N, C-alpha and C. Protein backbone atom coordinates (compact mmCIF):
# COMPACT_ATOMS: atom_id res chain seq x y z
N UNK A 1 1.33 -39.55 131.12
CA UNK A 1 0.47 -38.98 130.09
C UNK A 1 1.30 -38.10 129.17
N UNK A 2 0.82 -38.01 127.93
CA UNK A 2 1.53 -37.19 126.96
C UNK A 2 0.82 -35.86 126.80
N UNK A 3 1.49 -34.94 126.14
CA UNK A 3 0.89 -33.64 125.83
C UNK A 3 0.26 -33.65 124.45
N UNK A 4 0.30 -34.80 123.76
CA UNK A 4 -0.27 -34.90 122.43
C UNK A 4 -1.77 -34.68 122.47
N UNK A 5 -2.30 -33.80 121.62
CA UNK A 5 -3.75 -33.65 121.58
C UNK A 5 -4.42 -34.97 121.22
N UNK A 6 -5.49 -35.29 121.92
CA UNK A 6 -6.18 -36.57 121.74
C UNK A 6 -6.60 -36.76 120.28
N UNK A 7 -7.06 -35.71 119.64
CA UNK A 7 -7.56 -35.83 118.27
C UNK A 7 -6.47 -36.13 117.25
N UNK A 8 -5.21 -36.04 117.66
CA UNK A 8 -4.09 -36.36 116.77
C UNK A 8 -3.52 -37.75 117.02
N UNK A 9 -4.04 -38.47 118.02
CA UNK A 9 -3.50 -39.76 118.40
C UNK A 9 -4.01 -40.88 117.51
N UNK A 10 -3.14 -41.86 117.31
CA UNK A 10 -3.57 -43.10 116.66
C UNK A 10 -4.38 -43.89 117.67
N UNK A 11 -5.04 -44.95 117.20
CA UNK A 11 -5.79 -45.82 118.11
C UNK A 11 -4.87 -46.38 119.19
N UNK A 12 -3.71 -46.86 118.77
CA UNK A 12 -2.78 -47.48 119.71
C UNK A 12 -2.29 -46.49 120.77
N UNK A 13 -1.97 -45.28 120.35
CA UNK A 13 -1.51 -44.26 121.30
C UNK A 13 -2.61 -43.93 122.31
N UNK A 14 -3.83 -43.73 121.80
CA UNK A 14 -4.94 -43.39 122.68
C UNK A 14 -5.25 -44.53 123.64
N UNK A 15 -5.21 -45.76 123.15
CA UNK A 15 -5.51 -46.91 124.00
C UNK A 15 -4.45 -47.06 125.10
N UNK A 16 -3.19 -46.89 124.74
CA UNK A 16 -2.11 -47.02 125.72
C UNK A 16 -2.26 -45.96 126.82
N UNK A 17 -2.53 -44.72 126.41
CA UNK A 17 -2.68 -43.68 127.42
C UNK A 17 -3.94 -43.90 128.25
N UNK A 18 -5.01 -44.38 127.62
CA UNK A 18 -6.24 -44.68 128.36
C UNK A 18 -5.97 -45.73 129.44
N UNK A 19 -5.19 -46.75 129.10
CA UNK A 19 -4.84 -47.77 130.09
C UNK A 19 -4.07 -47.17 131.26
N UNK A 20 -3.18 -46.22 130.96
CA UNK A 20 -2.42 -45.54 132.01
C UNK A 20 -3.35 -44.74 132.90
N UNK A 21 -4.27 -44.01 132.29
CA UNK A 21 -5.22 -43.19 133.04
C UNK A 21 -6.07 -44.07 133.95
N UNK A 22 -6.61 -45.13 133.41
CA UNK A 22 -7.46 -46.04 134.20
C UNK A 22 -6.66 -46.62 135.37
N UNK A 23 -5.43 -47.02 135.10
CA UNK A 23 -4.58 -47.56 136.16
C UNK A 23 -4.37 -46.58 137.29
N UNK A 24 -4.10 -45.34 136.95
CA UNK A 24 -3.89 -44.31 137.98
C UNK A 24 -5.16 -44.06 138.78
N UNK A 25 -6.30 -44.03 138.08
CA UNK A 25 -7.57 -43.82 138.78
C UNK A 25 -7.91 -45.00 139.68
N UNK A 26 -7.64 -46.20 139.22
CA UNK A 26 -7.93 -47.39 140.03
C UNK A 26 -7.07 -47.47 141.28
N UNK A 27 -5.83 -47.03 141.18
CA UNK A 27 -4.95 -47.05 142.35
C UNK A 27 -5.45 -46.07 143.42
N UNK A 28 -6.08 -45.00 142.98
CA UNK A 28 -6.64 -44.03 143.92
C UNK A 28 -5.61 -43.22 144.67
N UNK A 29 -4.43 -43.09 144.12
CA UNK A 29 -3.37 -42.35 144.82
C UNK A 29 -3.15 -40.95 144.27
N UNK A 30 -4.18 -40.39 143.62
CA UNK A 30 -4.08 -39.03 143.10
C UNK A 30 -5.11 -38.15 143.79
N UNK A 31 -4.80 -36.89 143.89
CA UNK A 31 -5.70 -35.92 144.52
C UNK A 31 -6.98 -35.77 143.71
N UNK A 32 -7.99 -35.24 144.34
CA UNK A 32 -9.30 -35.09 143.70
C UNK A 32 -9.22 -34.30 142.40
N UNK A 33 -8.55 -33.16 142.41
CA UNK A 33 -8.46 -32.34 141.19
C UNK A 33 -7.76 -33.09 140.07
N UNK A 34 -6.70 -33.81 140.40
CA UNK A 34 -5.99 -34.60 139.40
C UNK A 34 -6.87 -35.74 138.90
N UNK A 35 -7.66 -36.33 139.79
CA UNK A 35 -8.58 -37.40 139.39
C UNK A 35 -9.60 -36.88 138.38
N UNK A 36 -10.09 -35.68 138.61
CA UNK A 36 -11.06 -35.09 137.69
C UNK A 36 -10.43 -34.87 136.32
N UNK A 37 -9.21 -34.34 136.31
CA UNK A 37 -8.50 -34.12 135.05
C UNK A 37 -8.24 -35.44 134.33
N UNK A 38 -7.84 -36.45 135.10
CA UNK A 38 -7.59 -37.77 134.51
C UNK A 38 -8.88 -38.34 133.93
N UNK A 39 -9.97 -38.21 134.64
CA UNK A 39 -11.26 -38.73 134.16
C UNK A 39 -11.66 -38.04 132.86
N UNK A 40 -11.50 -36.72 132.81
CA UNK A 40 -11.85 -35.97 131.59
C UNK A 40 -10.97 -36.40 130.42
N UNK A 41 -9.68 -36.56 130.67
CA UNK A 41 -8.76 -37.01 129.62
C UNK A 41 -9.13 -38.42 129.18
N UNK A 42 -9.46 -39.28 130.14
CA UNK A 42 -9.87 -40.64 129.82
C UNK A 42 -11.11 -40.69 128.95
N UNK A 43 -12.07 -39.82 129.23
CA UNK A 43 -13.29 -39.77 128.42
C UNK A 43 -12.97 -39.37 126.99
N UNK A 44 -12.07 -38.42 126.81
CA UNK A 44 -11.67 -38.01 125.46
C UNK A 44 -10.92 -39.14 124.75
N UNK A 45 -10.06 -39.83 125.48
CA UNK A 45 -9.30 -40.93 124.89
C UNK A 45 -10.24 -42.07 124.48
N UNK A 46 -11.22 -42.37 125.30
CA UNK A 46 -12.20 -43.41 124.98
C UNK A 46 -12.96 -43.04 123.71
N UNK A 47 -13.38 -41.79 123.61
CA UNK A 47 -14.10 -41.34 122.41
C UNK A 47 -13.20 -41.45 121.18
N UNK A 48 -11.93 -41.12 121.31
CA UNK A 48 -10.99 -41.22 120.19
C UNK A 48 -10.85 -42.67 119.73
N UNK A 49 -10.73 -43.58 120.69
CA UNK A 49 -10.63 -45.00 120.35
C UNK A 49 -11.88 -45.47 119.61
N UNK A 50 -13.04 -45.02 120.06
CA UNK A 50 -14.29 -45.41 119.40
C UNK A 50 -14.33 -44.90 117.96
N UNK A 51 -13.88 -43.66 117.74
CA UNK A 51 -13.86 -43.09 116.38
C UNK A 51 -12.92 -43.89 115.49
N UNK A 52 -11.73 -44.19 115.99
CA UNK A 52 -10.75 -44.94 115.18
C UNK A 52 -11.24 -46.35 114.89
N UNK A 53 -11.91 -47.00 115.84
CA UNK A 53 -12.47 -48.33 115.59
C UNK A 53 -13.57 -48.27 114.54
N UNK A 54 -14.41 -47.25 114.60
CA UNK A 54 -15.49 -47.08 113.62
C UNK A 54 -14.90 -46.89 112.23
N UNK A 55 -13.84 -46.08 112.13
CA UNK A 55 -13.18 -45.88 110.83
C UNK A 55 -12.65 -47.20 110.29
N UNK A 56 -12.05 -48.00 111.16
CA UNK A 56 -11.50 -49.29 110.73
C UNK A 56 -12.63 -50.23 110.29
N UNK A 57 -13.73 -50.25 111.02
CA UNK A 57 -14.88 -51.09 110.65
C UNK A 57 -15.41 -50.70 109.28
N UNK A 58 -15.48 -49.40 109.02
CA UNK A 58 -15.98 -48.93 107.72
C UNK A 58 -15.04 -49.35 106.59
N UNK A 59 -13.75 -49.32 106.84
CA UNK A 59 -12.78 -49.74 105.83
C UNK A 59 -12.92 -51.23 105.54
N UNK A 60 -13.08 -52.01 106.59
CA UNK A 60 -13.24 -53.46 106.41
C UNK A 60 -14.55 -53.75 105.68
N UNK A 61 -15.62 -53.04 106.03
CA UNK A 61 -16.91 -53.26 105.40
C UNK A 61 -16.88 -52.89 103.91
N UNK A 62 -15.96 -52.01 103.53
CA UNK A 62 -15.88 -51.56 102.15
C UNK A 62 -15.09 -52.50 101.25
N UNK A 63 -14.47 -53.51 101.82
CA UNK A 63 -13.71 -54.46 101.01
C UNK A 63 -14.69 -55.35 100.26
N UNK A 64 -14.51 -55.43 98.94
CA UNK A 64 -15.38 -56.28 98.14
C UNK A 64 -14.70 -57.61 97.86
N UNK A 65 -15.51 -58.65 97.77
CA UNK A 65 -15.00 -60.00 97.54
C UNK A 65 -15.55 -60.54 96.22
N UNK A 66 -14.78 -61.43 95.58
CA UNK A 66 -15.27 -62.09 94.38
C UNK A 66 -16.03 -63.35 94.77
N UNK A 67 -16.45 -64.14 93.81
CA UNK A 67 -17.22 -65.36 94.07
C UNK A 67 -16.51 -66.34 94.99
N UNK A 68 -15.18 -66.33 94.93
CA UNK A 68 -14.39 -67.25 95.74
C UNK A 68 -14.04 -66.67 97.11
N UNK A 69 -14.57 -65.49 97.39
CA UNK A 69 -14.29 -64.87 98.68
C UNK A 69 -12.96 -64.15 98.75
N UNK A 70 -12.34 -63.92 97.61
CA UNK A 70 -11.06 -63.23 97.57
C UNK A 70 -11.29 -61.72 97.43
N UNK A 71 -10.52 -60.91 98.13
CA UNK A 71 -10.68 -59.45 98.02
C UNK A 71 -10.39 -59.00 96.59
N UNK A 72 -11.27 -58.14 96.07
CA UNK A 72 -11.09 -57.62 94.72
C UNK A 72 -10.89 -56.12 94.70
N UNK A 73 -11.06 -55.49 95.83
CA UNK A 73 -10.93 -54.04 95.89
C UNK A 73 -11.82 -53.50 96.98
N UNK A 74 -12.11 -52.25 96.85
CA UNK A 74 -12.98 -51.62 97.84
C UNK A 74 -14.09 -50.88 97.14
N UNK A 75 -15.13 -50.61 97.89
CA UNK A 75 -16.24 -49.81 97.37
C UNK A 75 -16.38 -48.60 98.28
N UNK A 76 -16.95 -47.53 97.78
CA UNK A 76 -17.13 -46.36 98.63
C UNK A 76 -17.99 -46.70 99.85
N UNK A 77 -17.66 -46.12 100.99
CA UNK A 77 -18.35 -46.42 102.25
C UNK A 77 -19.84 -46.14 102.16
N UNK A 78 -20.26 -45.15 101.39
CA UNK A 78 -21.68 -44.83 101.31
C UNK A 78 -22.48 -45.85 100.51
N UNK A 79 -21.81 -46.78 99.80
CA UNK A 79 -22.49 -47.81 99.02
C UNK A 79 -22.73 -49.08 99.83
N UNK A 80 -22.52 -49.05 101.12
CA UNK A 80 -22.68 -50.23 101.96
C UNK A 80 -24.02 -50.79 101.74
């Protein structure tokens, strides 16, 4: 695990660390207190991934297409 604050992580960083956390929890070779800390960190990482995915979805939804289906630009997210 890294010391990077979860809220500063990219999607890829958060996902990679989440996979590490899940792996450690699944192996079951950590003490109870460490398991609790890992679970809490995992919950934060999961939430971060969800936020980053939502941001990406909004960006994709904002892409405008012309009659031929070609991207022509973007529109503000609130105009969805």
